[in-house]
């Protein structure tokens, strides 16, 4: 039997946040652009932009903001709220994994 795993999704009043959106935010923070983040995740730019727009509408203020271009072009970065969202999600995910570890091991044994 395969190992049991915990998958976390947080449902909010105006949207949801899960590992895919968090991975996209982490990739934007690392790459400095939505298009580069999408490429790194094997995702279309259109899909990445749709997910960013969903996230920005879910919260009271944006989690990603555009950076207008100069000589090197524009980009994107996480706002303070976006950074807090990533950290908070990863903290909740780690705490939930610790709390569920023994239960998951029992489930995996069948």
PDB file of N, CA and C in Angstrom:
ATOM      1  N   UNK A   1       0.843  -1.178   0.000  1.00  0.00           N
ATOM      2  CA  UNK A   1       0.000   0.000   0.000  1.00  0.00           C
ATOM      3  C   UNK A   1       0.891   1.244   0.000  1.00  0.00           C
ATOM      4  N   UNK A   2       0.436   2.305  -0.663  1.00  0.00           N
ATOM      5  CA  UNK A   2       1.215   3.537  -0.708  1.00  0.00           C
ATOM      6  C   UNK A   2       1.067   4.308   0.594  1.00  0.00           C
ATOM      7  N   UNK A   3       1.972   5.188   0.822  1.00  0.00           N
ATOM      8  CA  UNK A   3       1.952   6.014   2.023  1.00  0.00           C
ATOM      9  C   UNK A   3       0.791   6.999   1.967  1.00  0.00           C
ATOM     10  N   UNK A   4       0.141   7.209   3.075  1.00  0.00           N
ATOM     11  CA  UNK A   4      -0.939   8.195   3.150  1.00  0.00           C
ATOM     12  C   UNK A   4      -0.325   9.585   3.248  1.00  0.00           C
ATOM     13  N   UNK A   5      -1.018  10.557   2.700  1.00  0.00           N
ATOM     14  CA  UNK A   5      -0.517  11.925   2.717  1.00  0.00           C
ATOM     15  C   UNK A   5      -1.648  12.881   3.058  1.00  0.00           C
ATOM     16  N   UNK A   6      -1.274  13.997   3.589  1.00  0.00           N
ATOM     17  CA  UNK A   6      -2.221  15.044   3.942  1.00  0.00           C
ATOM     18  C   UNK A   6      -2.150  16.123   2.882  1.00  0.00           C
ATOM     19  N   UNK A   7      -3.300  16.555   2.395  1.00  0.00           N
ATOM     20  CA  UNK A   7      -3.381  17.635   1.408  1.00  0.00           C
ATOM     21  C   UNK A   7      -4.234  18.723   2.020  1.00  0.00           C
ATOM     22  N   UNK A   8      -3.721  19.937   2.088  1.00  0.00           N
ATOM     23  CA  UNK A   8      -4.395  21.030   2.775  1.00  0.00           C
ATOM     24  C   UNK A   8      -4.981  22.023   1.782  1.00  0.00           C
ATOM     25  N   UNK A   9      -6.238  22.364   1.988  1.00  0.00           N
ATOM     26  CA  UNK A   9      -6.888  23.437   1.236  1.00  0.00           C
ATOM     27  C   UNK A   9      -7.658  24.256   2.247  1.00  0.00           C
ATOM     28  N   UNK A  10      -7.535  25.552   2.159  1.00  0.00           N
ATOM     29  CA  UNK A  10      -8.240  26.448   3.062  1.00  0.00           C
ATOM     30  C   UNK A  10      -9.350  27.136   2.281  1.00  0.00           C
ATOM     31  N   UNK A  11     -10.585  26.901   2.694  1.00  0.00           N
ATOM     32  CA  UNK A  11     -11.735  27.552   2.075  1.00  0.00           C
ATOM     33  C   UNK A  11     -12.059  28.811   2.857  1.00  0.00           C
ATOM     34  N   UNK A  12     -12.080  29.926   2.155  1.00  0.00           N
ATOM     35  CA  UNK A  12     -12.383  31.220   2.752  1.00  0.00           C
ATOM     36  C   UNK A  12     -13.738  31.692   2.229  1.00  0.00           C
ATOM     37  N   UNK A  13     -14.255  32.755   2.781  1.00  0.00           N
ATOM     38  CA  UNK A  13     -15.555  33.266   2.360  1.00  0.00           C
ATOM     39  C   UNK A  13     -15.579  33.587   0.865  1.00  0.00           C
ATOM     40  N   UNK A  14     -14.495  34.127   0.341  1.00  0.00           N
ATOM     41  CA  UNK A  14     -14.476  34.582  -1.050  1.00  0.00           C
ATOM     42  C   UNK A  14     -13.558  33.791  -1.964  1.00  0.00           C
ATOM     43  N   UNK A  15     -13.075  32.646  -1.530  1.00  0.00           N
ATOM     44  CA  UNK A  15     -12.187  31.862  -2.384  1.00  0.00           C
ATOM     45  C   UNK A  15     -11.504  30.774  -1.594  1.00  0.00           C
ATOM     46  N   UNK A  16     -10.528  30.148  -2.227  1.00  0.00           N
ATOM     47  CA  UNK A  16      -9.794  29.088  -1.550  1.00  0.00           C
ATOM     48  C   UNK A  16      -8.318  29.186  -1.883  1.00  0.00           C
ATOM     49  N   UNK A  17      -7.531  28.631  -0.979  1.00  0.00           N
ATOM     50  CA  UNK A  17      -6.082  28.614  -1.136  1.00  0.00           C
ATOM     51  C   UNK A  17      -5.613  27.193  -0.878  1.00  0.00           C
ATOM     52  N   UNK A  18      -4.796  26.686  -1.784  1.00  0.00           N
ATOM     53  CA  UNK A  18      -4.249  25.352  -1.626  1.00  0.00           C
ATOM     54  C   UNK A  18      -2.797  25.319  -2.076  1.00  0.00           C
ATOM     55  N   UNK A  19      -2.224  24.138  -2.133  1.00  0.00           N
ATOM     56  CA  UNK A  19      -0.803  24.006  -2.458  1.00  0.00           C
ATOM     57  C   UNK A  19      -0.418  24.556  -3.831  1.00  0.00           C
ATOM     58  N   UNK A  20      -1.317  24.469  -4.801  1.00  0.00           N
ATOM     59  CA  UNK A  20      -0.997  24.974  -6.140  1.00  0.00           C
ATOM     60  C   UNK A  20      -0.836  26.478  -6.169  1.00  0.00           C
ATOM     61  N   UNK A  21      -1.760  27.182  -5.553  1.00  0.00           N
ATOM     62  CA  UNK A  21      -1.667  28.645  -5.525  1.00  0.00           C
ATOM     63  C   UNK A  21      -0.477  29.098  -4.694  1.00  0.00           C
ATOM     64  N   UNK A  22      -0.214  28.388  -3.609  1.00  0.00           N
ATOM     65  CA  UNK A  22       0.940  28.750  -2.776  1.00  0.00           C
ATOM     66  C   UNK A  22       2.238  28.508  -3.550  1.00  0.00           C
ATOM     67  N   UNK A  23       2.319  27.398  -4.275  1.00  0.00           N
ATOM     68  CA  UNK A  23       3.514  27.135  -5.094  1.00  0.00           C
ATOM     69  C   UNK A  23       3.696  28.228  -6.139  1.00  0.00           C
ATOM     70  N   UNK A  24       2.597  28.698  -6.724  1.00  0.00           N
ATOM     71  CA  UNK A  24       2.686  29.787  -7.699  1.00  0.00           C
ATOM     72  C   UNK A  24       3.208  31.056  -7.033  1.00  0.00           C
ATOM     73  N   UNK A  25       2.701  31.388  -5.854  1.00  0.00           N
ATOM     74  CA  UNK A  25       3.201  32.572  -5.144  1.00  0.00           C
ATOM     75  C   UNK A  25       4.688  32.442  -4.824  1.00  0.00           C
ATOM     76  N   UNK A  26       5.102  31.264  -4.392  1.00  0.00           N
ATOM     77  CA  UNK A  26       6.524  31.046  -4.104  1.00  0.00           C
ATOM     78  C   UNK A  26       7.363  31.205  -5.372  1.00  0.00           C
ATOM     79  N   UNK A  27       6.853  30.716  -6.493  1.00  0.00           N
ATOM     80  CA  UNK A  27       7.587  30.835  -7.759  1.00  0.00           C
ATOM     81  C   UNK A  27       7.655  32.293  -8.220  1.00  0.00           C
ATOM     82  N   UNK A  28       6.588  33.058  -8.006  1.00  0.00           N
ATOM     83  CA  UNK A  28       6.610  34.486  -8.347  1.00  0.00           C
ATOM     84  C   UNK A  28       7.640  35.204  -7.484  1.00  0.00           C
ATOM     85  N   UNK A  29       7.668  34.892  -6.197  1.00  0.00           N
ATOM     86  CA  UNK A  29       8.643  35.524  -5.299  1.00  0.00           C
ATOM     87  C   UNK A  29      10.064  35.219  -5.750  1.00  0.00           C
ATOM     88  N   UNK A  30      10.284  33.998  -6.205  1.00  0.00           N
ATOM     89  CA  UNK A  30      11.630  33.598  -6.633  1.00  0.00           C
ATOM     90  C   UNK A  30      11.993  34.179  -7.997  1.00  0.00           C
ATOM     91  N   UNK A  31      11.057  34.140  -8.947  1.00  0.00           N
ATOM     92  CA  UNK A  31      11.358  34.535 -10.319  1.00  0.00           C
ATOM     93  C   UNK A  31      11.190  36.029 -10.573  1.00  0.00           C
ATOM     94  N   UNK A  32      10.335  36.678  -9.800  1.00  0.00           N
ATOM     95  CA  UNK A  32      10.102  38.103 -10.020  1.00  0.00           C
ATOM     96  C   UNK A  32       9.154  38.405 -11.155  1.00  0.00           C
ATOM     97  N   UNK A  33       8.483  37.384 -11.683  1.00  0.00           N
ATOM     98  CA  UNK A  33       7.489  37.619 -12.728  1.00  0.00           C
ATOM     99  C   UNK A  33       6.496  36.467 -12.768  1.00  0.00           C
ATOM    100  N   UNK A  34       5.298  36.779 -13.227  1.00  0.00           N
ATOM    101  CA  UNK A  34       4.261  35.764 -13.330  1.00  0.00           C
ATOM    102  C   UNK A  34       4.591  34.797 -14.471  1.00  0.00           C
ATOM    103  N   UNK A  35       5.077  35.323 -15.589  1.00  0.00           N
ATOM    104  CA  UNK A  35       5.372  34.449 -16.730  1.00  0.00           C
ATOM    105  C   UNK A  35       6.507  33.477 -16.416  1.00  0.00           C
ATOM    106  N   UNK A  36       7.546  33.943 -15.768  1.00  0.00           N
ATOM    107  CA  UNK A  36       8.656  33.046 -15.404  1.00  0.00           C
ATOM    108  C   UNK A  36       8.202  32.022 -14.368  1.00  0.00           C
ATOM    109  N   UNK A  37       7.365  32.454 -13.441  1.00  0.00           N
ATOM    110  CA  UNK A  37       6.833  31.525 -12.437  1.00  0.00           C
ATOM    111  C   UNK A  37       5.989  30.450 -13.112  1.00  0.00           C
ATOM    112  N   UNK A  38       5.142  30.863 -14.039  1.00  0.00           N
ATOM    113  CA  UNK A  38       4.300  29.901 -14.766  1.00  0.00           C
ATOM    114  C   UNK A  38       5.162  28.894 -15.515  1.00  0.00           C
ATOM    115  N   UNK A  39       6.173  29.373 -16.210  1.00  0.00           N
ATOM    116  CA  UNK A  39       7.072  28.464 -16.946  1.00  0.00           C
ATOM    117  C   UNK A  39       7.730  27.464 -16.013  1.00  0.00           C
ATOM    118  N   UNK A  40       8.178  27.933 -14.858  1.00  0.00           N
ATOM    119  CA  UNK A  40       8.876  27.044 -13.925  1.00  0.00           C
ATOM    120  C   UNK A  40       7.957  25.951 -13.379  1.00  0.00           C
ATOM    121  N   UNK A  41       6.654  26.216 -13.386  1.00  0.00           N
ATOM    122  CA  UNK A  41       5.687  25.245 -12.885  1.00  0.00           C
ATOM    123  C   UNK A  41       5.005  24.459 -14.006  1.00  0.00           C
ATOM    124  N   UNK A  42       5.400  24.715 -15.270  1.00  0.00           N
ATOM    125  CA  UNK A  42       4.773  24.038 -16.397  1.00  0.00           C
ATOM    126  C   UNK A  42       3.326  24.461 -16.603  1.00  0.00           C
ATOM    127  N   UNK A  43       3.049  25.711 -16.318  1.00  0.00           N
ATOM    128  CA  UNK A  43       1.690  26.259 -16.370  1.00  0.00           C
ATOM    129  C   UNK A  43       1.641  27.357 -17.427  1.00  0.00           C
ATOM    130  N   UNK A  44       0.511  27.533 -18.055  1.00  0.00           N
ATOM    131  CA  UNK A  44       0.386  28.623 -19.017  1.00  0.00           C
ATOM    132  C   UNK A  44       0.348  29.958 -18.281  1.00  0.00           C
ATOM    133  N   UNK A  45       0.789  31.009 -18.960  1.00  0.00           N
ATOM    134  CA  UNK A  45       0.746  32.340 -18.378  1.00  0.00           C
ATOM    135  C   UNK A  45      -0.704  32.711 -18.062  1.00  0.00           C
ATOM    136  N   UNK A  46      -1.602  32.369 -18.967  1.00  0.00           N
ATOM    137  CA  UNK A  46      -3.020  32.688 -18.772  1.00  0.00           C
ATOM    138  C   UNK A  46      -3.546  32.069 -17.470  1.00  0.00           C
ATOM    139  N   UNK A  47      -3.241  30.795 -17.253  1.00  0.00           N
ATOM    140  CA  UNK A  47      -3.706  30.113 -16.038  1.00  0.00           C
ATOM    141  C   UNK A  47      -3.087  30.744 -14.796  1.00  0.00           C
ATOM    142  N   UNK A  48      -1.803  31.051 -14.857  1.00  0.00           N
ATOM    143  CA  UNK A  48      -1.132  31.682 -13.714  1.00  0.00           C
ATOM    144  C   UNK A  48      -1.769  33.036 -13.410  1.00  0.00           C
ATOM    145  N   UNK A  49      -2.036  33.811 -14.456  1.00  0.00           N
ATOM    146  CA  UNK A  49      -2.638  35.127 -14.249  1.00  0.00           C
ATOM    147  C   UNK A  49      -4.040  34.980 -13.661  1.00  0.00           C
ATOM    148  N   UNK A  50      -4.804  33.986 -14.114  1.00  0.00           N
ATOM    149  CA  UNK A  50      -6.142  33.747 -13.557  1.00  0.00           C
ATOM    150  C   UNK A  50      -6.062  33.418 -12.062  1.00  0.00           C
ATOM    151  N   UNK A  51      -5.095  32.583 -11.680  1.00  0.00           N
ATOM    152  CA  UNK A  51      -4.936  32.223 -10.268  1.00  0.00           C
ATOM    153  C   UNK A  51      -4.532  33.424  -9.430  1.00  0.00           C
ATOM    154  N   UNK A  52      -3.637  34.257  -9.965  1.00  0.00           N
ATOM    155  CA  UNK A  52      -3.234  35.479  -9.248  1.00  0.00           C
ATOM    156  C   UNK A  52      -4.432  36.411  -9.097  1.00  0.00           C
ATOM    157  N   UNK A  53      -5.225  36.560 -10.144  1.00  0.00           N
ATOM    158  CA  UNK A  53      -6.406  37.418 -10.074  1.00  0.00           C
ATOM    159  C   UNK A  53      -7.396  36.886  -9.031  1.00  0.00           C
ATOM    160  N   UNK A  54      -7.585  35.561  -8.988  1.00  0.00           N
ATOM    161  CA  UNK A  54      -8.456  34.965  -7.968  1.00  0.00           C
ATOM    162  C   UNK A  54      -7.953  35.282  -6.565  1.00  0.00           C
ATOM    163  N   UNK A  55      -6.655  35.100  -6.357  1.00  0.00           N
ATOM    164  CA  UNK A  55      -6.077  35.385  -5.041  1.00  0.00           C
ATOM    165  C   UNK A  55      -6.238  36.863  -4.676  1.00  0.00           C
ATOM    166  N   UNK A  56      -5.966  37.741  -5.629  1.00  0.00           N
ATOM    167  CA  UNK A  56      -6.077  39.174  -5.356  1.00  0.00           C
ATOM    168  C   UNK A  56      -7.508  39.578  -5.024  1.00  0.00           C
ATOM    169  N   UNK A  57      -8.488  38.865  -5.572  1.00  0.00           N
ATOM    170  CA  UNK A  57      -9.891  39.170  -5.284  1.00  0.00           C
ATOM    171  C   UNK A  57     -10.361  38.521  -3.986  1.00  0.00           C
ATOM    172  N   UNK A  58      -9.688  37.464  -3.563  1.00  0.00           N
ATOM    173  CA  UNK A  58     -10.083  36.742  -2.357  1.00  0.00           C
ATOM    174  C   UNK A  58      -9.824  37.556  -1.094  1.00  0.00           C
ATOM    175  N   UNK A  59      -8.771  38.343  -1.105  1.00  0.00           N
ATOM    176  CA  UNK A  59      -8.352  39.072   0.087  1.00  0.00           C
ATOM    177  C   UNK A  59      -8.689  40.554  -0.024  1.00  0.00           C
ATOM    178  N   UNK A  60      -8.631  41.237   1.095  1.00  0.00           N
ATOM    179  CA  UNK A  60      -9.007  42.650   1.142  1.00  0.00           C
ATOM    180  C   UNK A  60      -8.023  43.548   0.393  1.00  0.00           C
ATOM    181  N   UNK A  61      -6.823  43.060   0.186  1.00  0.00           N
ATOM    182  CA  UNK A  61      -5.837  43.776  -0.620  1.00  0.00           C
ATOM    183  C   UNK A  61      -5.041  42.740  -1.430  1.00  0.00           C
ATOM    184  N   UNK A  62      -4.355  43.190  -2.477  1.00  0.00           N
ATOM    185  CA  UNK A  62      -3.657  42.242  -3.361  1.00  0.00           C
ATOM    186  C   UNK A  62      -2.556  41.463  -2.650  1.00  0.00           C
ATOM    187  N   UNK A  63      -2.327  40.236  -3.121  1.00  0.00           N
ATOM    188  CA  UNK A  63      -1.211  39.423  -2.635  1.00  0.00           C
ATOM    189  C   UNK A  63      -0.045  39.471  -3.619  1.00  0.00           C
ATOM    190  N   UNK A  64      -0.324  39.867  -4.857  1.00  0.00           N
ATOM    191  CA  UNK A  64       0.702  40.044  -5.884  1.00  0.00           C
ATOM    192  C   UNK A  64       0.481  41.405  -6.520  1.00  0.00           C
ATOM    193  N   UNK A  65       1.576  42.118  -6.745  1.00  0.00           N
ATOM    194  CA  UNK A  65       1.462  43.396  -7.445  1.00  0.00           C
ATOM    195  C   UNK A  65       2.410  43.425  -8.620  1.00  0.00           C
ATOM    196  N   UNK A  66       1.991  44.104  -9.646  1.00  0.00           N
ATOM    197  CA  UNK A  66       2.814  44.255 -10.843  1.00  0.00           C
ATOM    198  C   UNK A  66       3.862  45.325 -10.606  1.00  0.00           C
ATOM    199  N   UNK A  67       5.007  45.120 -11.228  1.00  0.00           N
ATOM    200  CA  UNK A  67       6.077  46.116 -11.201  1.00  0.00           C
ATOM    201  C   UNK A  67       6.178  46.643 -12.620  1.00  0.00           C
ATOM    202  N   UNK A  68       5.974  47.930 -12.791  1.00  0.00           N
ATOM    203  CA  UNK A  68       6.038  48.488 -14.137  1.00  0.00           C
ATOM    204  C   UNK A  68       7.474  48.470 -14.629  1.00  0.00           C
ATOM    205  N   UNK A  69       7.610  48.236 -15.911  1.00  0.00           N
ATOM    206  CA  UNK A  69       8.924  48.006 -16.499  1.00  0.00           C
ATOM    207  C   UNK A  69       9.738  49.245 -16.748  1.00  0.00           C
ATOM    208  N   UNK A  70      10.989  49.005 -16.789  1.00  0.00           N
ATOM    209  CA  UNK A  70      11.963  50.001 -17.202  1.00  0.00           C
ATOM    210  C   UNK A  70      12.717  49.382 -18.361  1.00  0.00           C
ATOM    211  N   UNK A  71      14.012  49.491 -18.357  1.00  0.00           N
ATOM    212  CA  UNK A  71      14.825  48.928 -19.431  1.00  0.00           C
ATOM    213  C   UNK A  71      14.718  47.406 -19.492  1.00  0.00           C
ATOM    214  N   UNK A  72      14.594  46.763 -18.334  1.00  0.00           N
ATOM    215  CA  UNK A  72      14.521  45.302 -18.296  1.00  0.00           C
ATOM    216  C   UNK A  72      13.111  44.750 -18.341  1.00  0.00           C
ATOM    217  N   UNK A  73      12.125  45.629 -18.484  1.00  0.00           N
ATOM    218  CA  UNK A  73      10.743  45.172 -18.494  1.00  0.00           C
ATOM    219  C   UNK A  73      10.166  45.159 -17.096  1.00  0.00           C
ATOM    220  N   UNK A  74       8.930  44.751 -17.006  1.00  0.00           N
ATOM    221  CA  UNK A  74       8.245  44.740 -15.726  1.00  0.00           C
ATOM    222  C   UNK A  74       8.398  43.414 -15.017  1.00  0.00           C
ATOM    223  N   UNK A  75       7.550  43.195 -14.075  1.00  0.00           N
ATOM    224  CA  UNK A  75       7.592  41.955 -13.322  1.00  0.00           C
ATOM    225  C   UNK A  75       6.466  41.933 -12.321  1.00  0.00           C
ATOM    226  N   UNK A  76       6.622  41.119 -11.314  1.00  0.00           N
ATOM    227  CA  UNK A  76       5.629  41.013 -10.257  1.00  0.00           C
ATOM    228  C   UNK A  76       6.332  40.637  -8.966  1.00  0.00           C
ATOM    229  N   UNK A  77       5.702  41.004  -7.865  1.00  0.00           N
ATOM    230  CA  UNK A  77       6.251  40.632  -6.567  1.00  0.00           C
ATOM    231  C   UNK A  77       5.109  40.422  -5.596  1.00  0.00           C
ATOM    232  N   UNK A  78       5.405  39.685  -4.545  1.00  0.00           N
ATOM    233  CA  UNK A  78       4.415  39.479  -3.501  1.00  0.00           C
ATOM    234  C   UNK A  78       4.343  40.723  -2.633  1.00  0.00           C
ATOM    235  N   UNK A  79       3.143  41.047  -2.221  1.00  0.00           N
ATOM    236  CA  UNK A  79       2.963  42.115  -1.249  1.00  0.00           C
ATOM    237  C   UNK A  79       3.257  41.538   0.141  1.00  0.00           C
ATOM    238  N   UNK A  80       3.222  42.367   1.143  1.00  0.00           N
ATOM    239  CA  UNK A  80       3.396  41.861   2.513  1.00  0.00           C
ATOM    240  C   UNK A  80       2.328  40.826   2.840  1.00  0.00           C
ATOM    241  N   UNK A  81       1.110  41.079   2.370  1.00  0.00           N
ATOM    242  CA  UNK A  81       0.033  40.123   2.593  1.00  0.00           C
ATOM    243  C   UNK A  81       0.328  38.806   1.877  1.00  0.00           C
ATOM    244  N   UNK A  82       0.853  38.880   0.657  1.00  0.00           N
ATOM    245  CA  UNK A  82       1.213  37.676  -0.086  1.00  0.00           C
ATOM    246  C   UNK A  82       2.289  36.876   0.636  1.00  0.00           C
ATOM    247  N   UNK A  83       3.296  37.559   1.136  1.00  0.00           N
ATOM    248  CA  UNK A  83       4.357  36.884   1.893  1.00  0.00           C
ATOM    249  C   UNK A  83       3.784  36.236   3.157  1.00  0.00           C
ATOM    250  N   UNK A  84       2.899  36.960   3.855  1.00  0.00           N
ATOM    251  CA  UNK A  84       2.282  36.420   5.066  1.00  0.00           C
ATOM    252  C   UNK A  84       1.392  35.223   4.742  1.00  0.00           C
ATOM    253  N   UNK A  85       0.714  35.269   3.607  1.00  0.00           N
ATOM    254  CA  UNK A  85      -0.131  34.157   3.185  1.00  0.00           C
ATOM    255  C   UNK A  85       0.702  32.897   2.967  1.00  0.00           C
ATOM    256  N   UNK A  86       1.811  33.025   2.255  1.00  0.00           N
ATOM    257  CA  UNK A  86       2.680  31.870   2.005  1.00  0.00           C
ATOM    258  C   UNK A  86       3.205  31.309   3.324  1.00  0.00           C
ATOM    259  N   UNK A  87       3.748  32.169   4.169  1.00  0.00           N
ATOM    260  CA  UNK A  87       4.288  31.709   5.450  1.00  0.00           C
ATOM    261  C   UNK A  87       3.205  31.086   6.324  1.00  0.00           C
ATOM    262  N   UNK A  88       2.062  31.724   6.388  1.00  0.00           N
ATOM    263  CA  UNK A  88       0.964  31.201   7.193  1.00  0.00           C
ATOM    264  C   UNK A  88       0.477  29.855   6.694  1.00  0.00           C
ATOM    265  N   UNK A  89       0.329  29.721   5.379  1.00  0.00           N
ATOM    266  CA  UNK A  89      -0.121  28.451   4.810  1.00  0.00           C
ATOM    267  C   UNK A  89       0.884  27.354   5.120  1.00  0.00           C
ATOM    268  N   UNK A  90       2.165  27.630   4.904  1.00  0.00           N
ATOM    269  CA  UNK A  90       3.198  26.619   5.168  1.00  0.00           C
ATOM    270  C   UNK A  90       3.256  26.257   6.652  1.00  0.00           C
ATOM    271  N   UNK A  91       3.044  27.224   7.543  1.00  0.00           N
ATOM    272  CA  UNK A  91       3.011  26.926   8.984  1.00  0.00           C
ATOM    273  C   UNK A  91       1.825  26.031   9.329  1.00  0.00           C
ATOM    274  N   UNK A  92       0.653  26.358   8.790  1.00  0.00           N
ATOM    275  CA  UNK A  92      -0.541  25.540   9.040  1.00  0.00           C
ATOM    276  C   UNK A  92      -0.337  24.136   8.476  1.00  0.00           C
ATOM    277  N   UNK A  93       0.214  24.056   7.284  1.00  0.00           N
ATOM    278  CA  UNK A  93       0.476  22.769   6.637  1.00  0.00           C
ATOM    279  C   UNK A  93       1.413  21.906   7.488  1.00  0.00           C
ATOM    280  N   UNK A  94       2.473  22.508   8.002  1.00  0.00           N
ATOM    281  CA  UNK A  94       3.428  21.769   8.828  1.00  0.00           C
ATOM    282  C   UNK A  94       2.779  21.310  10.134  1.00  0.00           C
ATOM    283  N   UNK A  95       2.006  22.178  10.761  1.00  0.00           N
ATOM    284  CA  UNK A  95       1.338  21.820  12.014  1.00  0.00           C
ATOM    285  C   UNK A  95       0.319  20.705  11.788  1.00  0.00           C
ATOM    286  N   UNK A  96      -0.430  20.785  10.702  1.00  0.00           N
ATOM    287  CA  UNK A  96      -1.419  19.753  10.392  1.00  0.00           C
ATOM    288  C   UNK A  96      -0.729  18.424  10.099  1.00  0.00           C
ATOM    289  N   UNK A  97       0.378  18.469   9.391  1.00  0.00           N
ATOM    290  CA  UNK A  97       1.126  17.242   9.094  1.00  0.00           C
ATOM    291  C   UNK A  97       1.650  16.591  10.368  1.00  0.00           C
ATOM    292  N   UNK A  98       2.170  17.403  11.285  1.00  0.00           N
ATOM    293  CA  UNK A  98       2.646  16.855  12.557  1.00  0.00           C
ATOM    294  C   UNK A  98       1.494  16.235  13.337  1.00  0.00           C
ATOM    295  N   UNK A  99       0.372  16.935  13.384  1.00  0.00           N
ATOM    296  CA  UNK A  99      -0.779  16.444  14.142  1.00  0.00           C
ATOM    297  C   UNK A  99      -1.359  15.166  13.545  1.00  0.00           C
ATOM    298  N   UNK A 100      -1.272  15.014  12.245  1.00  0.00           N
ATOM    299  CA  UNK A 100      -1.884  13.865  11.567  1.00  0.00           C
ATOM    300  C   UNK A 100      -0.919  12.715  11.319  1.00  0.00           C
ATOM    301  N   UNK A 101       0.353  12.884  11.599  1.00  0.00           N
ATOM    302  CA  UNK A 101       1.375  11.894  11.224  1.00  0.00           C
ATOM    303  C   UNK A 101       1.055  10.488  11.712  1.00  0.00           C
ATOM    304  N   UNK A 102       0.749  10.319  12.976  1.00  0.00           N
ATOM    305  CA  UNK A 102       0.475   8.985  13.514  1.00  0.00           C
ATOM    306  C   UNK A 102      -0.772   8.384  12.876  1.00  0.00           C
ATOM    307  N   UNK A 103      -1.783   9.194  12.687  1.00  0.00           N
ATOM    308  CA  UNK A 103      -3.017   8.716  12.054  1.00  0.00           C
ATOM    309  C   UNK A 103      -2.760   8.290  10.610  1.00  0.00           C
ATOM    310  N   UNK A 104      -1.969   9.061   9.900  1.00  0.00           N
ATOM    311  CA  UNK A 104      -1.642   8.728   8.506  1.00  0.00           C
ATOM    312  C   UNK A 104      -0.849   7.438   8.408  1.00  0.00           C
ATOM    313  N   UNK A 105       0.081   7.234   9.350  1.00  0.00           N
ATOM    314  CA  UNK A 105       0.855   5.968   9.350  1.00  0.00           C
ATOM    315  C   UNK A 105      -0.076   4.773   9.548  1.00  0.00           C
ATOM    316  N   UNK A 106      -1.022   4.911  10.475  1.00  0.00           N
ATOM    317  CA  UNK A 106      -1.984   3.807  10.700  1.00  0.00           C
ATOM    318  C   UNK A 106      -2.830   3.557   9.457  1.00  0.00           C
ATOM    319  N   UNK A 107      -3.277   4.603   8.811  1.00  0.00           N
ATOM    320  CA  UNK A 107      -4.074   4.456   7.597  1.00  0.00           C
ATOM    321  C   UNK A 107      -3.279   3.781   6.484  1.00  0.00           C
ATOM    322  N   UNK A 108      -2.016   4.158   6.372  1.00  0.00           N
ATOM    323  CA  UNK A 108      -1.174   3.593   5.317  1.00  0.00           C
ATOM    324  C   UNK A 108      -0.951   2.113   5.511  1.00  0.00           C
ATOM    325  N   UNK A 109      -0.932   1.664   6.773  1.00  0.00           N
ATOM    326  CA  UNK A 109      -0.734   0.227   7.058  1.00  0.00           C
ATOM    327  C   UNK A 109      -1.988  -0.577   6.734  1.00  0.00           C
ATOM    328  N   UNK A 110      -3.114   0.111   6.680  1.00  0.00           N
ATOM    329  CA  UNK A 110      -4.366  -0.553   6.317  1.00  0.00           C
ATOM    330  C   UNK A 110      -4.912  -1.313   7.453  1.00  0.00           C
TER     331      UNK A 110
END
